[in-house]
Amino acid sequence: MNLIVKFKTKTKLRFFSLSILIALILVISSCSNDETQNVVNFKQIVMQDEFDVNGPIDSSLWSYDIGNGEGTDAGIGWGNNELQYYTDRKENITVQNGVLIISAKKESYKGASYTSARIMSKGKFEQAYGRFEARIRLPYGQGMWPAFWLLGNNIDDVQWPNCGEIDIMENRGQEPSITHGTVHGPGYSGGSAITKSYDLVNDRFDTDFHVFGIEWGPQYINFYVDDVLYNQITPDDVPGEWVFDRPFYIVLNLAVGGSFVGSPNSETSFPQTMLVDYVRVYKNNRINN
């Protein structure tokens, strides 16, 4: 009888010790600094373009931003010393086989040495808060500057940077494994913007598609690459006014040259392409937009 009691006691102690060990492992795991997290699954899609109709872009969602910046408040070079002229030609932008193709070409065109394309949802789709995402394959090469970003819809009234800008994805073509998530606003724009980069370790953004997204609420903007949350920006992080509390519209473009990336060099091949598989926007039902 004593042996049985001792055996049961030891068994209980071992079970208790094992339970404690498992609990400690779970606590340690939950507190680890691994930034890989599950992306929040917002259920209600309020805007999407799957680019499943060949030909021009969907004019109900997008319009072309044409030119080199001349005549705008930004001025020639779009305020960044960019070298391209944006067109609506099929040579620079088209939808084929389920993908939006934005092509940068080296050619003489209306005084510029390069052409490319930029589209925006201004006046067609604008939203405050929610999840904005796009699945994109980036170009590669010195001087390539692909971007997926948002601008405040009051830009015509208050001008940039007072309207606010959210750069969901910016890439220097000469850095194929690094992307940047950034906000610009009054007192923190240009070289003083609030930003953080993400390094795709042992991989490149020009060899496959990746999902770039933000989850945006009244007091935060979270930046994601695929399922990795790599940056959060809140009002406490900006030295000026928090202007991210109104509807913004979407911009997709591929710039050539500029102060952020420098000019193409002899090793940069053309044409270069930015491929967009889809753009989707979800509404956060917990927030009144």
C-alpha atoms as a PDB file:
ATOM      1  CA  MET A   1       0.000   0.000   0.000  1.00  0.00           C
ATOM      2  CA  ASN A   2       2.803   2.426   0.855  1.00  0.00           C
ATOM      3  CA  LEU A   3       4.497   1.702  -2.473  1.00  0.00           C
ATOM      4  CA  ILE A   4       1.281   2.469  -4.329  1.00  0.00           C
ATOM      5  CA  VAL A   5       0.837   5.734  -2.424  1.00  0.00           C
ATOM      6  CA  LYS A   6       4.432   6.733  -3.144  1.00  0.00           C
ATOM      7  CA  PHE A   7       4.011   5.863  -6.842  1.00  0.00           C
ATOM      8  CA  LYS A   8       0.845   7.951  -7.094  1.00  0.00           C
ATOM      9  CA  THR A   9       2.518  10.836  -5.280  1.00  0.00           C
ATOM     10  CA  LYS A  10       5.535  10.793  -7.577  1.00  0.00           C
ATOM     11  CA  THR A  11       3.275  10.593 -10.615  1.00  0.00           C
ATOM     12  CA  LYS A  12       1.301  13.619  -9.425  1.00  0.00           C
ATOM     13  CA  LEU A  13       4.507  15.555  -8.765  1.00  0.00           C
ATOM     14  CA  ARG A  14       5.845  14.742 -12.215  1.00  0.00           C
ATOM     15  CA  PHE A  15       2.541  15.762 -13.817  1.00  0.00           C
ATOM     16  CA  PHE A  16       2.522  18.994 -11.802  1.00  0.00           C
ATOM     17  CA  SER A  17       6.133  19.752 -12.746  1.00  0.00           C
ATOM     18  CA  LEU A  18       5.413  19.046 -16.402  1.00  0.00           C
ATOM     19  CA  SER A  19       2.388  21.352 -16.276  1.00  0.00           C
ATOM     20  CA  ILE A  20       4.481  24.143 -14.775  1.00  0.00           C
ATOM     21  CA  LEU A  21       7.139  23.659 -17.452  1.00  0.00           C
ATOM     22  CA  ILE A  22       4.576  23.805 -20.279  1.00  0.00           C
ATOM     23  CA  ALA A  23       3.021  26.921 -18.775  1.00  0.00           C
ATOM     24  CA  LEU A  24       6.414  28.621 -18.555  1.00  0.00           C
ATOM     25  CA  ILE A  25       7.170  27.761 -22.174  1.00  0.00           C
ATOM     26  CA  LEU A  26       3.852  29.244 -23.284  1.00  0.00           C
ATOM     27  CA  VAL A  27       4.444  32.422 -21.282  1.00  0.00           C
ATOM     28  CA  ILE A  28       7.963  32.831 -22.665  1.00  0.00           C
ATOM     29  CA  SER A  29       6.718  32.226 -26.208  1.00  0.00           C
ATOM     30  CA  SER A  30       3.930  34.746 -25.876  1.00  0.00           C
ATOM     31  CA  CYS A  31       6.349  37.381 -24.591  1.00  0.00           C
ATOM     32  CA  SER A  32       9.049  36.781 -27.146  1.00  0.00           C
ATOM     33  CA  ASN A  33      10.094  39.642 -29.416  1.00  0.00           C
ATOM     34  CA  ASP A  34       9.352  37.732 -32.601  1.00  0.00           C
ATOM     35  CA  GLU A  35       7.573  40.281 -34.804  1.00  0.00           C
ATOM     36  CA  THR A  36       5.844  37.636 -36.930  1.00  0.00           C
ATOM     37  CA  GLN A  37       2.145  38.012 -36.229  1.00  0.00           C
ATOM     38  CA  ASN A  38      -1.138  37.066 -37.823  1.00  0.00           C
ATOM     39  CA  VAL A  39      -2.612  39.812 -39.942  1.00  0.00           C
ATOM     40  CA  VAL A  40      -6.021  40.918 -38.658  1.00  0.00           C
ATOM     41  CA  ASN A  41      -8.696  39.535 -40.949  1.00  0.00           C
ATOM     42  CA  PHE A  42     -11.119  42.361 -41.633  1.00  0.00           C
ATOM     43  CA  LYS A  43     -14.163  40.719 -43.204  1.00  0.00           C
ATOM     44  CA  GLN A  44     -15.810  43.545 -45.117  1.00  0.00           C
ATOM     45  CA  ILE A  45     -14.081  44.452 -48.383  1.00  0.00           C
ATOM     46  CA  VAL A  46     -15.158  47.902 -49.477  1.00  0.00           C
ATOM     47  CA  MET A  47     -12.868  48.273 -52.496  1.00  0.00           C
ATOM     48  CA  GLN A  48     -10.948  45.757 -54.559  1.00  0.00           C
ATOM     49  CA  ASP A  49      -9.335  45.534 -57.934  1.00  0.00           C
ATOM     50  CA  GLU A  50      -8.197  42.066 -58.939  1.00  0.00           C
ATOM     51  CA  PHE A  51      -7.065  43.308 -62.376  1.00  0.00           C
ATOM     52  CA  ASP A  52      -8.880  40.461 -64.087  1.00  0.00           C
ATOM     53  CA  VAL A  53      -9.982  42.358 -67.229  1.00  0.00           C
ATOM     54  CA  ASN A  54      -7.296  42.845 -69.878  1.00  0.00           C
ATOM     55  CA  GLY A  55      -6.715  46.320 -71.250  1.00  0.00           C
ATOM     56  CA  PRO A  56      -6.894  49.755 -69.576  1.00  0.00           C
ATOM     57  CA  ILE A  57      -7.378  50.279 -65.851  1.00  0.00           C
ATOM     58  CA  ASP A  58     -10.885  50.335 -64.370  1.00  0.00           C
ATOM     59  CA  SER A  59     -11.935  53.969 -64.757  1.00  0.00           C
ATOM     60  CA  SER A  60     -14.528  53.620 -62.004  1.00  0.00           C
ATOM     61  CA  LEU A  61     -11.697  53.110 -59.506  1.00  0.00           C
ATOM     62  CA  TRP A  62      -8.642  54.822 -60.970  1.00  0.00           C
ATOM     63  CA  SER A  63      -7.514  57.841 -62.939  1.00  0.00           C
ATOM     64  CA  TYR A  64      -4.140  58.574 -64.520  1.00  0.00           C
ATOM     65  CA  ASP A  65      -1.773  61.181 -63.102  1.00  0.00           C
ATOM     66  CA  ILE A  66      -0.109  62.407 -66.300  1.00  0.00           C
ATOM     67  CA  GLY A  67       2.978  64.589 -66.730  1.00  0.00           C
ATOM     68  CA  ASN A  68       6.279  65.449 -65.061  1.00  0.00           C
ATOM     69  CA  GLY A  69       4.863  67.611 -62.298  1.00  0.00           C
ATOM     70  CA  GLU A  70       4.994  70.833 -64.281  1.00  0.00           C
ATOM     71  CA  GLY A  71       2.011  73.002 -63.479  1.00  0.00           C
ATOM     72  CA  THR A  72       1.429  71.349 -60.109  1.00  0.00           C
ATOM     73  CA  ASP A  73       2.414  72.641 -56.698  1.00  0.00           C
ATOM     74  CA  ALA A  74       5.129  69.968 -56.632  1.00  0.00           C
ATOM     75  CA  GLY A  75       6.786  71.331 -59.800  1.00  0.00           C
ATOM     76  CA  ILE A  76       8.876  69.512 -62.410  1.00  0.00           C
ATOM     77  CA  GLY A  77      10.166  66.267 -60.957  1.00  0.00           C
ATOM     78  CA  TRP A  78       7.151  66.004 -58.636  1.00  0.00           C
ATOM     79  CA  GLY A  79       9.101  67.749 -55.877  1.00  0.00           C
ATOM     80  CA  ASN A  80      11.639  64.910 -55.736  1.00  0.00           C
ATOM     81  CA  ASN A  81      13.837  65.562 -58.784  1.00  0.00           C
ATOM     82  CA  GLU A  82      12.274  62.580 -60.553  1.00  0.00           C
ATOM     83  CA  LEU A  83      13.185  62.003 -64.198  1.00  0.00           C
ATOM     84  CA  GLN A  84      10.120  60.322 -65.723  1.00  0.00           C
ATOM     85  CA  TYR A  85       7.079  61.575 -67.599  1.00  0.00           C
ATOM     86  CA  TYR A  86       3.926  59.727 -66.538  1.00  0.00           C
ATOM     87  CA  THR A  87       1.624  58.660 -69.379  1.00  0.00           C
ATOM     88  CA  ASP A  88      -1.571  56.699 -69.919  1.00  0.00           C
ATOM     89  CA  ARG A  89      -0.110  54.776 -72.885  1.00  0.00           C
ATOM     90  CA  LYS A  90      -0.435  51.007 -72.961  1.00  0.00           C
ATOM     91  CA  GLU A  91       3.349  50.886 -73.299  1.00  0.00           C
ATOM     92  CA  ASN A  92       3.564  52.236 -69.739  1.00  0.00           C
ATOM     93  CA  ILE A  93       0.455  50.831 -68.092  1.00  0.00           C
ATOM     94  CA  THR A  94      -1.865  47.951 -68.931  1.00  0.00           C
ATOM     95  CA  VAL A  95      -3.732  45.054 -67.381  1.00  0.00           C
ATOM     96  CA  GLN A  96      -2.797  41.625 -68.702  1.00  0.00           C
ATOM     97  CA  ASN A  97      -3.426  38.109 -67.393  1.00  0.00           C
ATOM     98  CA  GLY A  98      -4.729  39.237 -64.021  1.00  0.00           C
ATOM     99  CA  VAL A  99      -1.916  41.687 -63.299  1.00  0.00           C
ATOM    100  CA  LEU A 100      -1.532  45.454 -63.517  1.00  0.00           C
ATOM    101  CA  ILE A 101       1.761  46.154 -65.307  1.00  0.00           C
ATOM    102  CA  ILE A 102       3.419  49.540 -64.797  1.00  0.00           C
ATOM    103  CA  SER A 103       6.458  49.819 -67.073  1.00  0.00           C
ATOM    104  CA  ALA A 104       9.281  52.337 -66.866  1.00  0.00           C
ATOM    105  CA  LYS A 105      10.986  52.851 -70.218  1.00  0.00           C
ATOM    106  CA  LYS A 106      14.126  54.684 -71.222  1.00  0.00           C
ATOM    107  CA  GLU A 107      13.051  56.932 -74.098  1.00  0.00           C
ATOM    108  CA  SER A 108      12.871  60.573 -75.055  1.00  0.00           C
ATOM    109  CA  TYR A 109       9.321  61.780 -74.413  1.00  0.00           C
ATOM    110  CA  LYS A 110       8.103  65.379 -74.068  1.00  0.00           C
ATOM    111  CA  GLY A 111      11.430  66.571 -72.756  1.00  0.00           C
ATOM    112  CA  ALA A 112      11.961  63.676 -70.348  1.00  0.00           C
ATOM    113  CA  SER A 113      14.421  60.809 -70.723  1.00  0.00           C
ATOM    114  CA  TYR A 114      12.121  58.191 -69.199  1.00  0.00           C
ATOM    115  CA  THR A 115       8.424  57.315 -69.172  1.00  0.00           C
ATOM    116  CA  SER A 116       6.319  55.442 -66.632  1.00  0.00           C
ATOM    117  CA  ALA A 117       2.844  55.586 -65.071  1.00  0.00           C
ATOM    118  CA  ARG A 118       1.045  56.661 -61.934  1.00  0.00           C
ATOM    119  CA  ILE A 119      -2.606  56.023 -61.040  1.00  0.00           C
ATOM    120  CA  MET A 120      -4.745  57.230 -58.156  1.00  0.00           C
ATOM    121  CA  SER A 121      -8.201  56.680 -56.695  1.00  0.00           C
ATOM    122  CA  LYS A 122      -8.718  60.385 -55.923  1.00  0.00           C
ATOM    123  CA  GLY A 123     -12.406  61.301 -56.114  1.00  0.00           C
ATOM    124  CA  LYS A 124     -13.326  57.670 -56.853  1.00  0.00           C
ATOM    125  CA  PHE A 125     -12.400  55.813 -53.676  1.00  0.00           C
ATOM    126  CA  GLU A 126     -11.332  57.495 -50.439  1.00  0.00           C
ATOM    127  CA  GLN A 127     -11.500  56.095 -46.915  1.00  0.00           C
ATOM    128  CA  ALA A 128     -10.328  56.749 -43.387  1.00  0.00           C
ATOM    129  CA  TYR A 129      -9.172  53.745 -41.367  1.00  0.00           C
ATOM    130  CA  GLY A 130      -9.304  50.038 -42.130  1.00  0.00           C
ATOM    131  CA  ARG A 131      -6.857  47.763 -43.902  1.00  0.00           C
ATOM    132  CA  PHE A 132      -5.255  48.771 -47.217  1.00  0.00           C
ATOM    133  CA  GLU A 133      -3.185  46.114 -48.977  1.00  0.00           C
ATOM    134  CA  ALA A 134      -1.690  45.266 -52.353  1.00  0.00           C
ATOM    135  CA  ARG A 135       0.166  42.217 -53.630  1.00  0.00           C
ATOM    136  CA  ILE A 136       3.102  43.471 -55.680  1.00  0.00           C
ATOM    137  CA  ARG A 137       6.295  42.300 -57.349  1.00  0.00           C
ATOM    138  CA  LEU A 138       8.855  45.087 -57.444  1.00  0.00           C
ATOM    139  CA  PRO A 139      11.386  46.052 -60.133  1.00  0.00           C
ATOM    140  CA  TYR A 140      15.140  45.962 -59.599  1.00  0.00           C
ATOM    141  CA  GLY A 141      17.853  48.430 -60.487  1.00  0.00           C
ATOM    142  CA  GLN A 142      19.572  51.621 -59.434  1.00  0.00           C
ATOM    143  CA  GLY A 143      17.163  54.545 -59.752  1.00  0.00           C
ATOM    144  CA  MET A 144      13.908  52.561 -59.638  1.00  0.00           C
ATOM    145  CA  TRP A 145      11.382  53.911 -57.133  1.00  0.00           C
ATOM    146  CA  PRO A 146       8.152  51.877 -56.878  1.00  0.00           C
ATOM    147  CA  ALA A 147       5.545  52.997 -54.351  1.00  0.00           C
ATOM    148  CA  PHE A 148       2.102  52.135 -52.961  1.00  0.00           C
ATOM    149  CA  TRP A 149       0.851  55.039 -50.867  1.00  0.00           C
ATOM    150  CA  LEU A 150      -2.020  57.216 -49.653  1.00  0.00           C
ATOM    151  CA  LEU A 151      -2.687  60.959 -49.698  1.00  0.00           C
ATOM    152  CA  GLY A 152      -5.203  62.977 -47.686  1.00  0.00           C
ATOM    153  CA  ASN A 153      -8.205  63.930 -49.803  1.00  0.00           C
ATOM    154  CA  ASN A 154      -7.961  67.570 -48.644  1.00  0.00           C
ATOM    155  CA  ILE A 155      -4.662  68.045 -50.492  1.00  0.00           C
ATOM    156  CA  ASP A 156      -6.128  70.651 -52.856  1.00  0.00           C
ATOM    157  CA  ASP A 157      -7.211  72.785 -49.897  1.00  0.00           C
ATOM    158  CA  VAL A 158      -4.297  72.497 -47.461  1.00  0.00           C
ATOM    159  CA  GLN A 159      -1.487  71.256 -49.767  1.00  0.00           C
ATOM    160  CA  TRP A 160       1.212  68.710 -48.982  1.00  0.00           C
ATOM    161  CA  PRO A 161       2.408  67.815 -46.342  1.00  0.00           C
ATOM    162  CA  ASN A 162      -0.476  69.266 -44.335  1.00  0.00           C
ATOM    163  CA  CYS A 163      -2.845  66.784 -45.972  1.00  0.00           C
ATOM    164  CA  GLY A 164      -0.756  63.844 -44.733  1.00  0.00           C
ATOM    165  CA  GLU A 165       0.885  61.020 -46.641  1.00  0.00           C
ATOM    166  CA  ILE A 166       1.113  57.328 -45.733  1.00  0.00           C
ATOM    167  CA  ASP A 167       3.730  55.357 -47.665  1.00  0.00           C
ATOM    168  CA  ILE A 168       2.625  51.747 -47.337  1.00  0.00           C
ATOM    169  CA  MET A 169       5.516  50.588 -49.505  1.00  0.00           C
ATOM    170  CA  GLU A 170       8.497  52.448 -50.920  1.00  0.00           C
ATOM    171  CA  ASN A 171      11.559  50.731 -52.311  1.00  0.00           C
ATOM    172  CA  ARG A 172      14.936  51.768 -53.635  1.00  0.00           C
ATOM    173  CA  GLY A 173      15.509  49.583 -56.670  1.00  0.00           C
ATOM    174  CA  GLN A 174      19.137  49.100 -55.718  1.00  0.00           C
ATOM    175  CA  GLU A 175      18.033  47.537 -52.400  1.00  0.00           C
ATOM    176  CA  PRO A 176      15.915  44.564 -53.520  1.00  0.00           C
ATOM    177  CA  SER A 177      15.375  43.139 -50.024  1.00  0.00           C
ATOM    178  CA  ILE A 178      14.372  46.345 -48.202  1.00  0.00           C
ATOM    179  CA  THR A 179      11.094  48.248 -48.110  1.00  0.00           C
ATOM    180  CA  HIS A 180      10.053  51.309 -46.131  1.00  0.00           C
ATOM    181  CA  GLY A 181       6.862  52.318 -44.288  1.00  0.00           C
ATOM    182  CA  THR A 182       6.558  56.047 -43.648  1.00  0.00           C
ATOM    183  CA  VAL A 183       4.259  58.903 -42.705  1.00  0.00           C
ATOM    184  CA  HIS A 184       4.623  62.555 -43.710  1.00  0.00           C
ATOM    185  CA  GLY A 185       2.786  65.450 -42.119  1.00  0.00           C
ATOM    186  CA  PRO A 186       3.227  69.049 -40.963  1.00  0.00           C
ATOM    187  CA  GLY A 187       6.638  69.282 -39.316  1.00  0.00           C
ATOM    188  CA  TYR A 188       7.728  65.762 -40.275  1.00  0.00           C
ATOM    189  CA  SER A 189       7.983  65.450 -44.040  1.00  0.00           C
ATOM    190  CA  GLY A 190      10.643  64.687 -46.619  1.00  0.00           C
ATOM    191  CA  GLY A 191      13.931  63.888 -44.904  1.00  0.00           C
ATOM    192  CA  SER A 192      12.271  64.379 -41.511  1.00  0.00           C
ATOM    193  CA  ALA A 193       9.459  61.887 -42.117  1.00  0.00           C
ATOM    194  CA  ILE A 194       8.728  59.169 -39.551  1.00  0.00           C
ATOM    195  CA  THR A 195       9.830  55.896 -41.105  1.00  0.00           C
ATOM    196  CA  LYS A 196      11.082  52.372 -40.564  1.00  0.00           C
ATOM    197  CA  SER A 197      12.491  49.834 -42.990  1.00  0.00           C
ATOM    198  CA  TYR A 198      11.853  46.108 -43.277  1.00  0.00           C
ATOM    199  CA  ASP A 199      14.494  43.678 -44.508  1.00  0.00           C
ATOM    200  CA  LEU A 200      13.292  40.544 -46.278  1.00  0.00           C
ATOM    201  CA  VAL A 201      16.138  38.359 -45.037  1.00  0.00           C
ATOM    202  CA  ASN A 202      17.482  35.834 -47.563  1.00  0.00           C
ATOM    203  CA  ASP A 203      14.950  36.889 -50.196  1.00  0.00           C
ATOM    204  CA  ARG A 204      14.186  39.700 -52.655  1.00  0.00           C
ATOM    205  CA  PHE A 205      11.099  41.710 -53.513  1.00  0.00           C
ATOM    206  CA  ASP A 206      11.814  41.553 -57.255  1.00  0.00           C
ATOM    207  CA  THR A 207      11.661  37.763 -57.557  1.00  0.00           C
ATOM    208  CA  ASP A 208       8.150  37.130 -56.245  1.00  0.00           C
ATOM    209  CA  PHE A 209       4.952  38.834 -55.119  1.00  0.00           C
ATOM    210  CA  HIS A 210       4.551  40.092 -51.551  1.00  0.00           C
ATOM    211  CA  VAL A 211       1.635  41.684 -49.713  1.00  0.00           C
ATOM    212  CA  PHE A 212       2.253  45.216 -48.435  1.00  0.00           C
ATOM    213  CA  GLY A 213      -0.374  46.625 -46.119  1.00  0.00           C
ATOM    214  CA  ILE A 214      -1.395  48.891 -43.289  1.00  0.00           C
ATOM    215  CA  GLU A 215      -4.001  48.562 -40.571  1.00  0.00           C
ATOM    216  CA  TRP A 216      -5.090  52.063 -39.663  1.00  0.00           C
ATOM    217  CA  GLY A 217      -7.144  53.337 -36.760  1.00  0.00           C
ATOM    218  CA  PRO A 218      -7.759  56.720 -35.076  1.00  0.00           C
ATOM    219  CA  GLN A 219      -4.572  56.562 -32.999  1.00  0.00           C
ATOM    220  CA  TYR A 220      -2.273  54.213 -34.899  1.00  0.00           C
ATOM    221  CA  ILE A 221      -0.988  53.007 -38.256  1.00  0.00           C
ATOM    222  CA  ASN A 222       0.468  49.487 -38.345  1.00  0.00           C
ATOM    223  CA  PHE A 223       2.712  48.500 -41.264  1.00  0.00           C
ATOM    224  CA  TYR A 224       2.910  44.940 -42.592  1.00  0.00           C
ATOM    225  CA  VAL A 225       4.869  42.930 -45.128  1.00  0.00           C
ATOM    226  CA  ASP A 226       3.064  39.636 -45.705  1.00  0.00           C
ATOM    227  CA  ASP A 227       2.181  38.487 -42.170  1.00  0.00           C
ATOM    228  CA  VAL A 228       4.860  40.510 -40.398  1.00  0.00           C
ATOM    229  CA  LEU A 229       4.003  43.625 -38.398  1.00  0.00           C
ATOM    230  CA  TYR A 230       7.232  45.637 -38.505  1.00  0.00           C
ATOM    231  CA  ASN A 231       6.223  49.173 -37.569  1.00  0.00           C
ATOM    232  CA  GLN A 232       3.591  51.045 -35.589  1.00  0.00           C
ATOM    233  CA  ILE A 233       3.257  54.819 -35.698  1.00  0.00           C
ATOM    234  CA  THR A 234       1.054  56.710 -33.221  1.00  0.00           C
ATOM    235  CA  PRO A 235       0.469  60.406 -32.415  1.00  0.00           C
ATOM    236  CA  ASP A 236       3.222  60.157 -29.792  1.00  0.00           C
ATOM    237  CA  ASP A 237       5.742  59.344 -32.528  1.00  0.00           C
ATOM    238  CA  VAL A 238       5.210  62.470 -34.628  1.00  0.00           C
ATOM    239  CA  PRO A 239       6.590  65.910 -33.696  1.00  0.00           C
ATOM    240  CA  GLY A 240       3.696  67.784 -35.333  1.00  0.00           C
ATOM    241  CA  GLU A 241      -0.040  67.508 -35.802  1.00  0.00           C
ATOM    242  CA  TRP A 242      -1.555  64.041 -36.306  1.00  0.00           C
ATOM    243  CA  VAL A 243      -3.429  64.476 -39.593  1.00  0.00           C
ATOM    244  CA  PHE A 244      -4.414  60.855 -40.216  1.00  0.00           C
ATOM    245  CA  ASP A 245      -8.029  61.172 -39.191  1.00  0.00           C
ATOM    246  CA  ARG A 246      -9.784  61.783 -42.500  1.00  0.00           C
ATOM    247  CA  PRO A 247     -10.273  59.930 -45.816  1.00  0.00           C
ATOM    248  CA  PHE A 248      -7.199  59.255 -47.954  1.00  0.00           C
ATOM    249  CA  TYR A 249      -6.953  58.053 -51.534  1.00  0.00           C
ATOM    250  CA  ILE A 250      -4.621  55.450 -53.060  1.00  0.00           C
ATOM    251  CA  VAL A 251      -1.632  56.033 -55.349  1.00  0.00           C
ATOM    252  CA  LEU A 252       0.395  53.418 -57.258  1.00  0.00           C
ATOM    253  CA  ASN A 253       3.414  54.457 -59.287  1.00  0.00           C
ATOM    254  CA  LEU A 254       6.868  53.604 -60.545  1.00  0.00           C
ATOM    255  CA  ALA A 255       9.187  56.616 -60.543  1.00  0.00           C
ATOM    256  CA  VAL A 256      12.603  56.834 -62.156  1.00  0.00           C
ATOM    257  CA  GLY A 257      15.363  58.697 -60.343  1.00  0.00           C
ATOM    258  CA  GLY A 258      14.831  61.287 -57.658  1.00  0.00           C
ATOM    259  CA  SER A 259      16.408  62.324 -54.400  1.00  0.00           C
ATOM    260  CA  PHE A 260      15.343  59.126 -52.620  1.00  0.00           C
ATOM    261  CA  VAL A 261      16.997  56.683 -55.024  1.00  0.00           C
ATOM    262  CA  GLY A 262      19.395  58.589 -57.281  1.00  0.00           C
ATOM    263  CA  SER A 263      19.541  58.323 -61.058  1.00  0.00           C
ATOM    264  CA  PRO A 264      19.761  55.069 -63.022  1.00  0.00           C
ATOM    265  CA  ASN A 265      23.289  53.999 -63.907  1.00  0.00           C
ATOM    266  CA  SER A 266      24.875  51.931 -66.669  1.00  0.00           C
ATOM    267  CA  GLU A 267      23.847  48.705 -64.943  1.00  0.00           C
ATOM    268  CA  THR A 268      20.141  49.601 -64.815  1.00  0.00           C
ATOM    269  CA  SER A 269      18.299  47.723 -67.538  1.00  0.00           C
ATOM    270  CA  PHE A 270      15.060  48.879 -69.169  1.00  0.00           C
ATOM    271  CA  PRO A 271      12.168  48.407 -69.341  1.00  0.00           C
ATOM    272  CA  GLN A 272      11.509  47.893 -65.644  1.00  0.00           C
ATOM    273  CA  THR A 273       8.134  46.658 -64.388  1.00  0.00           C
ATOM    274  CA  MET A 274       6.079  46.917 -61.240  1.00  0.00           C
ATOM    275  CA  LEU A 275       3.488  44.130 -61.196  1.00  0.00           C
ATOM    276  CA  VAL A 276       0.350  44.454 -59.056  1.00  0.00           C
ATOM    277  CA  ASP A 277      -1.731  41.333 -58.512  1.00  0.00           C
ATOM    278  CA  TYR A 278      -4.489  43.065 -56.544  1.00  0.00           C
ATOM    279  CA  VAL A 279      -5.453  46.031 -54.395  1.00  0.00           C
ATOM    280  CA  ARG A 280      -7.940  45.474 -51.562  1.00  0.00           C
ATOM    281  CA  VAL A 281      -9.361  47.709 -48.878  1.00  0.00           C
ATOM    282  CA  TYR A 282     -11.252  46.443 -45.861  1.00  0.00           C
ATOM    283  CA  LYS A 283     -13.448  48.357 -43.472  1.00  0.00           C
ATOM    284  CA  ASN A 284     -12.964  48.094 -39.724  1.00  0.00           C
ATOM    285  CA  ASN A 285     -16.511  47.681 -38.478  1.00  0.00           C
ATOM    286  CA  ARG A 286     -15.514  48.823 -35.004  1.00  0.00           C
ATOM    287  CA  ILE A 287     -14.748  52.314 -36.316  1.00  0.00           C
ATOM    288  CA  ASN A 288     -17.184  54.738 -37.876  1.00  0.00           C
ATOM    289  CA  ASN A 289     -15.521  55.997 -41.055  1.00  0.00           C
END
